[in-house]
């Protein structure tokens, strides 16, 4: 194949991709009103980006490493 043939094939594939994405967007837009809320009708809980208070972890073990004052098996 020549470079021109390759470019033509790439353009054709790109155009098909654009058409597929447009069809997908239309399908999602049609179903969006039915799927407006989270599954099960549960309320969304937002978790803040602020760091947790370090005193919450004072007496905790390192997960997977065991207790701090003992050796792992």
PDB file of N, CA and C in Angstrom:
ATOM      1  N   UNK A   1       0.834  -1.186   0.000  1.00  0.00           N
ATOM      2  CA  UNK A   1       0.000   0.000   0.000  1.00  0.00           C
ATOM      3  C   UNK A   1       0.877   1.248   0.000  1.00  0.00           C
ATOM      4  N   UNK A   2       0.391   2.241  -0.666  1.00  0.00           N
ATOM      5  CA  UNK A   2       1.122   3.503  -0.714  1.00  0.00           C
ATOM      6  C   UNK A   2       0.713   4.373   0.471  1.00  0.00           C
ATOM      7  N   UNK A   3       1.444   5.424   0.644  1.00  0.00           N
ATOM      8  CA  UNK A   3       1.133   6.370   1.715  1.00  0.00           C
ATOM      9  C   UNK A   3      -0.258   6.963   1.515  1.00  0.00           C
ATOM     10  N   UNK A   4      -0.607   7.256   0.277  1.00  0.00           N
ATOM     11  CA  UNK A   4      -1.934   7.816  -0.015  1.00  0.00           C
ATOM     12  C   UNK A   4      -3.040   6.824   0.367  1.00  0.00           C
ATOM     13  N   UNK A   5      -2.830   5.545   0.070  1.00  0.00           N
ATOM     14  CA  UNK A   5      -3.805   4.513   0.434  1.00  0.00           C
ATOM     15  C   UNK A   5      -3.945   4.413   1.957  1.00  0.00           C
ATOM     16  N   UNK A   6      -2.817   4.497   2.648  1.00  0.00           N
ATOM     17  CA  UNK A   6      -2.855   4.454   4.111  1.00  0.00           C
ATOM     18  C   UNK A   6      -3.632   5.633   4.676  1.00  0.00           C
ATOM     19  N   UNK A   7      -3.373   6.833   4.142  1.00  0.00           N
ATOM     20  CA  UNK A   7      -4.077   8.020   4.615  1.00  0.00           C
ATOM     21  C   UNK A   7      -5.579   7.920   4.346  1.00  0.00           C
ATOM     22  N   UNK A   8      -5.940   7.395   3.196  1.00  0.00           N
ATOM     23  CA  UNK A   8      -7.355   7.216   2.863  1.00  0.00           C
ATOM     24  C   UNK A   8      -8.010   6.240   3.838  1.00  0.00           C
ATOM     25  N   UNK A   9      -7.323   5.159   4.159  1.00  0.00           N
ATOM     26  CA  UNK A   9      -7.851   4.175   5.098  1.00  0.00           C
ATOM     27  C   UNK A   9      -8.003   4.785   6.492  1.00  0.00           C
ATOM     28  N   UNK A  10      -7.040   5.583   6.908  1.00  0.00           N
ATOM     29  CA  UNK A  10      -7.106   6.231   8.219  1.00  0.00           C
ATOM     30  C   UNK A  10      -8.278   7.204   8.260  1.00  0.00           C
ATOM     31  N   UNK A  11      -8.463   7.995   7.209  1.00  0.00           N
ATOM     32  CA  UNK A  11      -9.592   8.934   7.155  1.00  0.00           C
ATOM     33  C   UNK A  11     -10.919   8.190   7.224  1.00  0.00           C
ATOM     34  N   UNK A  12     -11.024   7.104   6.484  1.00  0.00           N
ATOM     35  CA  UNK A  12     -12.257   6.317   6.462  1.00  0.00           C
ATOM     36  C   UNK A  12     -12.542   5.751   7.866  1.00  0.00           C
ATOM     37  N   UNK A  13     -11.515   5.206   8.514  1.00  0.00           N
ATOM     38  CA  UNK A  13     -11.688   4.660   9.861  1.00  0.00           C
ATOM     39  C   UNK A  13     -12.035   5.750  10.872  1.00  0.00           C
ATOM     40  N   UNK A  14     -11.417   6.910  10.733  1.00  0.00           N
ATOM     41  CA  UNK A  14     -11.706   8.023  11.631  1.00  0.00           C
ATOM     42  C   UNK A  14     -13.137   8.505  11.454  1.00  0.00           C
ATOM     43  N   UNK A  15     -13.590   8.599  10.206  1.00  0.00           N
ATOM     44  CA  UNK A  15     -14.973   9.006   9.949  1.00  0.00           C
ATOM     45  C   UNK A  15     -15.959   7.999  10.539  1.00  0.00           C
ATOM     46  N   UNK A  16     -15.663   6.725  10.409  1.00  0.00           N
ATOM     47  CA  UNK A  16     -16.532   5.692  10.989  1.00  0.00           C
ATOM     48  C   UNK A  16     -16.550   5.786  12.512  1.00  0.00           C
ATOM     49  N   UNK A  17     -15.395   6.074  13.102  1.00  0.00           N
ATOM     50  CA  UNK A  17     -15.320   6.254  14.552  1.00  0.00           C
ATOM     51  C   UNK A  17     -16.170   7.435  14.999  1.00  0.00           C
ATOM     52  N   UNK A  18     -16.084   8.545  14.280  1.00  0.00           N
ATOM     53  CA  UNK A  18     -16.881   9.738  14.612  1.00  0.00           C
ATOM     54  C   UNK A  18     -18.369   9.410  14.523  1.00  0.00           C
ATOM     55  N   UNK A  19     -18.786   8.700  13.487  1.00  0.00           N
ATOM     56  CA  UNK A  19     -20.204   8.321  13.349  1.00  0.00           C
ATOM     57  C   UNK A  19     -20.635   7.406  14.484  1.00  0.00           C
ATOM     58  N   UNK A  20     -19.780   6.482  14.870  1.00  0.00           N
ATOM     59  CA  UNK A  20     -20.109   5.566  15.970  1.00  0.00           C
ATOM     60  C   UNK A  20     -20.254   6.311  17.290  1.00  0.00           C
ATOM     61  N   UNK A  21     -19.362   7.251  17.551  1.00  0.00           N
ATOM     62  CA  UNK A  21     -19.440   8.036  18.788  1.00  0.00           C
ATOM     63  C   UNK A  21     -20.706   8.888  18.789  1.00  0.00           C
ATOM     64  N   UNK A  22     -21.058   9.469  17.659  1.00  0.00           N
ATOM     65  CA  UNK A  22     -22.286  10.265  17.579  1.00  0.00           C
ATOM     66  C   UNK A  22     -23.511   9.402  17.857  1.00  0.00           C
ATOM     67  N   UNK A  23     -23.546   8.183  17.303  1.00  0.00           N
ATOM     68  CA  UNK A  23     -24.667   7.269  17.571  1.00  0.00           C
ATOM     69  C   UNK A  23     -24.727   6.912  19.052  1.00  0.00           C
ATOM     70  N   UNK A  24     -23.566   6.658  19.648  1.00  0.00           N
ATOM     71  CA  UNK A  24     -23.509   6.333  21.066  1.00  0.00           C
ATOM     72  C   UNK A  24     -24.008   7.497  21.918  1.00  0.00           C
ATOM     73  N   UNK A  25     -23.596   8.712  21.581  1.00  0.00           N
ATOM     74  CA  UNK A  25     -24.055   9.892  22.321  1.00  0.00           C
ATOM     75  C   UNK A  25     -25.564  10.047  22.225  1.00  0.00           C
ATOM     76  N   UNK A  26     -26.135   9.805  21.033  1.00  0.00           N
ATOM     77  CA  UNK A  26     -27.591   9.883  20.877  1.00  0.00           C
ATOM     78  C   UNK A  26     -28.288   8.823  21.722  1.00  0.00           C
ATOM     79  N   UNK A  27     -27.749   7.606  21.728  1.00  0.00           N
ATOM     80  CA  UNK A  27     -28.336   6.526  22.526  1.00  0.00           C
ATOM     81  C   UNK A  27     -28.290   6.853  24.014  1.00  0.00           C
ATOM     82  N   UNK A  28     -27.189   7.383  24.472  1.00  0.00           N
ATOM     83  CA  UNK A  28     -27.049   7.744  25.889  1.00  0.00           C
ATOM     84  C   UNK A  28     -28.008   8.876  26.237  1.00  0.00           C
ATOM     85  N   UNK A  29     -28.127   9.863  25.352  1.00  0.00           N
ATOM     86  CA  UNK A  29     -29.029  10.996  25.609  1.00  0.00           C
ATOM     87  C   UNK A  29     -30.472  10.528  25.700  1.00  0.00           C
ATOM     88  N   UNK A  30     -30.851   9.546  24.905  1.00  0.00           N
ATOM     89  CA  UNK A  30     -32.216   9.020  24.957  1.00  0.00           C
ATOM     90  C   UNK A  30     -32.480   8.285  26.262  1.00  0.00           C
ATOM     91  N   UNK A  31     -31.486   7.623  26.811  1.00  0.00           N
ATOM     92  CA  UNK A  31     -31.662   6.842  28.023  1.00  0.00           C
ATOM     93  C   UNK A  31     -31.354   7.641  29.280  1.00  0.00           C
ATOM     94  N   UNK A  32     -30.810   8.829  29.150  1.00  0.00           N
ATOM     95  CA  UNK A  32     -30.404   9.632  30.307  1.00  0.00           C
ATOM     96  C   UNK A  32     -31.559   9.939  31.262  1.00  0.00           C
ATOM     97  N   UNK A  33     -32.756  10.318  30.796  1.00  0.00           N
ATOM     98  CA  UNK A  33     -33.821  10.598  31.762  1.00  0.00           C
ATOM     99  C   UNK A  33     -34.178   9.387  32.622  1.00  0.00           C
ATOM    100  N   UNK A  34     -34.119   8.186  32.080  1.00  0.00           N
ATOM    101  CA  UNK A  34     -34.438   6.992  32.848  1.00  0.00           C
ATOM    102  C   UNK A  34     -33.350   6.679  33.864  1.00  0.00           C
ATOM    103  N   UNK A  35     -32.126   7.068  33.588  1.00  0.00           N
ATOM    104  CA  UNK A  35     -31.006   6.767  34.480  1.00  0.00           C
ATOM    105  C   UNK A  35     -30.506   8.024  35.178  1.00  0.00           C
ATOM    106  N   UNK A  36     -31.417   8.906  35.568  1.00  0.00           N
ATOM    107  CA  UNK A  36     -31.007  10.173  36.160  1.00  0.00           C
ATOM    108  C   UNK A  36     -30.365  10.001  37.527  1.00  0.00           C
ATOM    109  N   UNK A  37     -30.880   9.099  38.345  1.00  0.00           N
ATOM    110  CA  UNK A  37     -30.349   8.913  39.690  1.00  0.00           C
ATOM    111  C   UNK A  37     -29.440   7.715  39.773  1.00  0.00           C
ATOM    112  N   UNK A  38     -28.772   7.564  40.911  1.00  0.00           N
ATOM    113  CA  UNK A  38     -27.909   6.400  41.095  1.00  0.00           C
ATOM    114  C   UNK A  38     -28.750   5.131  41.223  1.00  0.00           C
ATOM    115  N   UNK A  39     -28.179   3.980  40.948  1.00  0.00           N
ATOM    116  CA  UNK A  39     -28.928   2.727  41.044  1.00  0.00           C
ATOM    117  C   UNK A  39     -29.458   2.514  42.458  1.00  0.00           C
ATOM    118  N   UNK A  40     -30.656   1.969  42.537  1.00  0.00           N
ATOM    119  CA  UNK A  40     -31.240   1.674  43.845  1.00  0.00           C
ATOM    120  C   UNK A  40     -31.874   2.877  44.510  1.00  0.00           C
ATOM    121  N   UNK A  41     -31.857   4.032  43.858  1.00  0.00           N
ATOM    122  CA  UNK A  41     -32.474   5.224  44.429  1.00  0.00           C
ATOM    123  C   UNK A  41     -31.742   5.782  45.642  1.00  0.00           C
ATOM    124  N   UNK A  42     -30.494   5.380  45.832  1.00  0.00           N
ATOM    125  CA  UNK A  42     -29.737   5.867  46.988  1.00  0.00           C
ATOM    126  C   UNK A  42     -29.230   7.279  46.738  1.00  0.00           C
ATOM    127  N   UNK A  43     -29.050   8.006  47.813  1.00  0.00           N
ATOM    128  CA  UNK A  43     -28.555   9.368  47.716  1.00  0.00           C
ATOM    129  C   UNK A  43     -27.030   9.360  47.533  1.00  0.00           C
ATOM    130  N   UNK A  44     -26.517  10.263  46.712  1.00  0.00           N
ATOM    131  CA  UNK A  44     -25.083  10.368  46.485  1.00  0.00           C
ATOM    132  C   UNK A  44     -24.423  11.030  47.690  1.00  0.00           C
ATOM    133  N   UNK A  45     -23.322  10.433  48.151  1.00  0.00           N
ATOM    134  CA  UNK A  45     -22.581  10.978  49.283  1.00  0.00           C
ATOM    135  C   UNK A  45     -21.261  11.516  48.753  1.00  0.00           C
ATOM    136  N   UNK A  46     -21.003  12.789  48.989  1.00  0.00           N
ATOM    137  CA  UNK A  46     -19.764  13.407  48.532  1.00  0.00           C
ATOM    138  C   UNK A  46     -18.730  13.360  49.652  1.00  0.00           C
ATOM    139  N   UNK A  47     -17.514  12.934  49.313  1.00  0.00           N
ATOM    140  CA  UNK A  47     -16.428  12.848  50.274  1.00  0.00           C
ATOM    141  C   UNK A  47     -15.528  14.059  50.071  1.00  0.00           C
ATOM    142  N   UNK A  48     -15.280  14.840  51.124  1.00  0.00           N
ATOM    143  CA  UNK A  48     -14.463  16.049  50.962  1.00  0.00           C
ATOM    144  C   UNK A  48     -13.001  15.696  50.667  1.00  0.00           C
ATOM    145  N   UNK A  49     -12.309  16.645  50.053  1.00  0.00           N
ATOM    146  CA  UNK A  49     -10.899  16.464  49.716  1.00  0.00           C
ATOM    147  C   UNK A  49      -9.967  16.802  50.876  1.00  0.00           C
ATOM    148  N   UNK A  50     -10.506  17.311  51.959  1.00  0.00           N
ATOM    149  CA  UNK A  50      -9.665  17.693  53.093  1.00  0.00           C
ATOM    150  C   UNK A  50      -9.090  16.445  53.748  1.00  0.00           C
ATOM    151  N   UNK A  51      -7.868  16.526  54.269  1.00  0.00           N
ATOM    152  CA  UNK A  51      -7.252  15.352  54.902  1.00  0.00           C
ATOM    153  C   UNK A  51      -7.997  14.958  56.180  1.00  0.00           C
ATOM    154  N   UNK A  52      -7.959  13.660  56.484  1.00  0.00           N
ATOM    155  CA  UNK A  52      -8.555  13.160  57.716  1.00  0.00           C
ATOM    156  C   UNK A  52      -7.706  13.574  58.910  1.00  0.00           C
ATOM    157  N   UNK A  53      -8.329  13.624  60.055  1.00  0.00           N
ATOM    158  CA  UNK A  53      -7.626  13.922  61.298  1.00  0.00           C
ATOM    159  C   UNK A  53      -6.703  12.739  61.609  1.00  0.00           C
ATOM    160  N   UNK A  54      -5.425  12.981  61.779  1.00  0.00           N
ATOM    161  CA  UNK A  54      -4.458  11.903  61.993  1.00  0.00           C
ATOM    162  C   UNK A  54      -4.694  11.143  63.289  1.00  0.00           C
ATOM    163  N   UNK A  55      -5.407  11.716  64.249  1.00  0.00           N
ATOM    164  CA  UNK A  55      -5.684  11.000  65.497  1.00  0.00           C
ATOM    165  C   UNK A  55      -6.644   9.838  65.289  1.00  0.00           C
ATOM    166  N   UNK A  56      -7.327   9.792  64.135  1.00  0.00           N
ATOM    167  CA  UNK A  56      -8.197   8.658  63.846  1.00  0.00           C
ATOM    168  C   UNK A  56      -7.394   7.367  63.713  1.00  0.00           C
ATOM    169  N   UNK A  57      -6.116   7.475  63.367  1.00  0.00           N
ATOM    170  CA  UNK A  57      -5.301   6.303  63.079  1.00  0.00           C
ATOM    171  C   UNK A  57      -4.293   6.005  64.185  1.00  0.00           C
ATOM    172  N   UNK A  58      -4.418   6.625  65.333  1.00  0.00           N
ATOM    173  CA  UNK A  58      -3.427   6.500  66.399  1.00  0.00           C
ATOM    174  C   UNK A  58      -3.169   5.052  66.808  1.00  0.00           C
ATOM    175  N   UNK A  59      -4.194   4.273  67.067  1.00  0.00           N
ATOM    176  CA  UNK A  59      -4.019   2.909  67.562  1.00  0.00           C
ATOM    177  C   UNK A  59      -4.226   1.852  66.478  1.00  0.00           C
ATOM    178  N   UNK A  60      -4.168   2.226  65.259  1.00  0.00           N
ATOM    179  CA  UNK A  60      -4.433   1.266  64.180  1.00  0.00           C
ATOM    180  C   UNK A  60      -3.153   0.536  63.785  1.00  0.00           C
ATOM    181  N   UNK A  61      -3.337  -0.664  63.251  1.00  0.00           N
ATOM    182  CA  UNK A  61      -2.210  -1.426  62.717  1.00  0.00           C
ATOM    183  C   UNK A  61      -2.032  -1.055  61.256  1.00  0.00           C
ATOM    184  N   UNK A  62      -0.815  -1.228  60.761  1.00  0.00           N
ATOM    185  CA  UNK A  62      -0.573  -1.019  59.335  1.00  0.00           C
ATOM    186  C   UNK A  62      -1.191  -2.189  58.592  1.00  0.00           C
ATOM    187  N   UNK A  63      -2.147  -1.908  57.752  1.00  0.00           N
ATOM    188  CA  UNK A  63      -2.874  -2.971  57.070  1.00  0.00           C
ATOM    189  C   UNK A  63      -1.933  -3.831  56.239  1.00  0.00           C
ATOM    190  N   UNK A  64      -1.991  -5.118  56.473  1.00  0.00           N
ATOM    191  CA  UNK A  64      -1.155  -6.043  55.740  1.00  0.00           C
ATOM    192  C   UNK A  64       0.227  -6.236  56.336  1.00  0.00           C
ATOM    193  N   UNK A  65       0.609  -5.393  57.281  1.00  0.00           N
ATOM    194  CA  UNK A  65       1.943  -5.494  57.880  1.00  0.00           C
ATOM    195  C   UNK A  65       1.896  -5.985  59.318  1.00  0.00           C
ATOM    196  N   UNK A  66       0.716  -6.035  59.905  1.00  0.00           N
ATOM    197  CA  UNK A  66       0.598  -6.477  61.290  1.00  0.00           C
ATOM    198  C   UNK A  66       0.791  -5.328  62.256  1.00  0.00           C
ATOM    199  N   UNK A  67       0.870  -5.680  63.512  1.00  0.00           N
ATOM    200  CA  UNK A  67       1.016  -4.669  64.567  1.00  0.00           C
ATOM    201  C   UNK A  67       2.424  -4.084  64.536  1.00  0.00           C
ATOM    202  N   UNK A  68       2.547  -2.870  65.008  1.00  0.00           N
ATOM    203  CA  UNK A  68       3.836  -2.162  64.951  1.00  0.00           C
ATOM    204  C   UNK A  68       4.891  -2.781  65.865  1.00  0.00           C
ATOM    205  N   UNK A  69       4.468  -3.333  67.005  1.00  0.00           N
ATOM    206  CA  UNK A  69       5.437  -3.830  67.981  1.00  0.00           C
ATOM    207  C   UNK A  69       5.720  -5.325  67.829  1.00  0.00           C
ATOM    208  N   UNK A  70       5.205  -5.955  66.749  1.00  0.00           N
ATOM    209  CA  UNK A  70       5.433  -7.373  66.511  1.00  0.00           C
ATOM    210  C   UNK A  70       6.020  -7.578  65.115  1.00  0.00           C
ATOM    211  N   UNK A  71       6.676  -8.727  64.949  1.00  0.00           N
ATOM    212  CA  UNK A  71       7.233  -9.060  63.640  1.00  0.00           C
ATOM    213  C   UNK A  71       6.204  -9.827  62.839  1.00  0.00           C
ATOM    214  N   UNK A  72       6.237  -9.620  61.544  1.00  0.00           N
ATOM    215  CA  UNK A  72       5.367 -10.373  60.665  1.00  0.00           C
ATOM    216  C   UNK A  72       5.877 -11.792  60.548  1.00  0.00           C
ATOM    217  N   UNK A  73       4.992 -12.779  60.369  1.00  0.00           N
ATOM    218  CA  UNK A  73       5.448 -14.165  60.281  1.00  0.00           C
ATOM    219  C   UNK A  73       6.271 -14.404  59.041  1.00  0.00           C
TER     220      UNK A  73
END
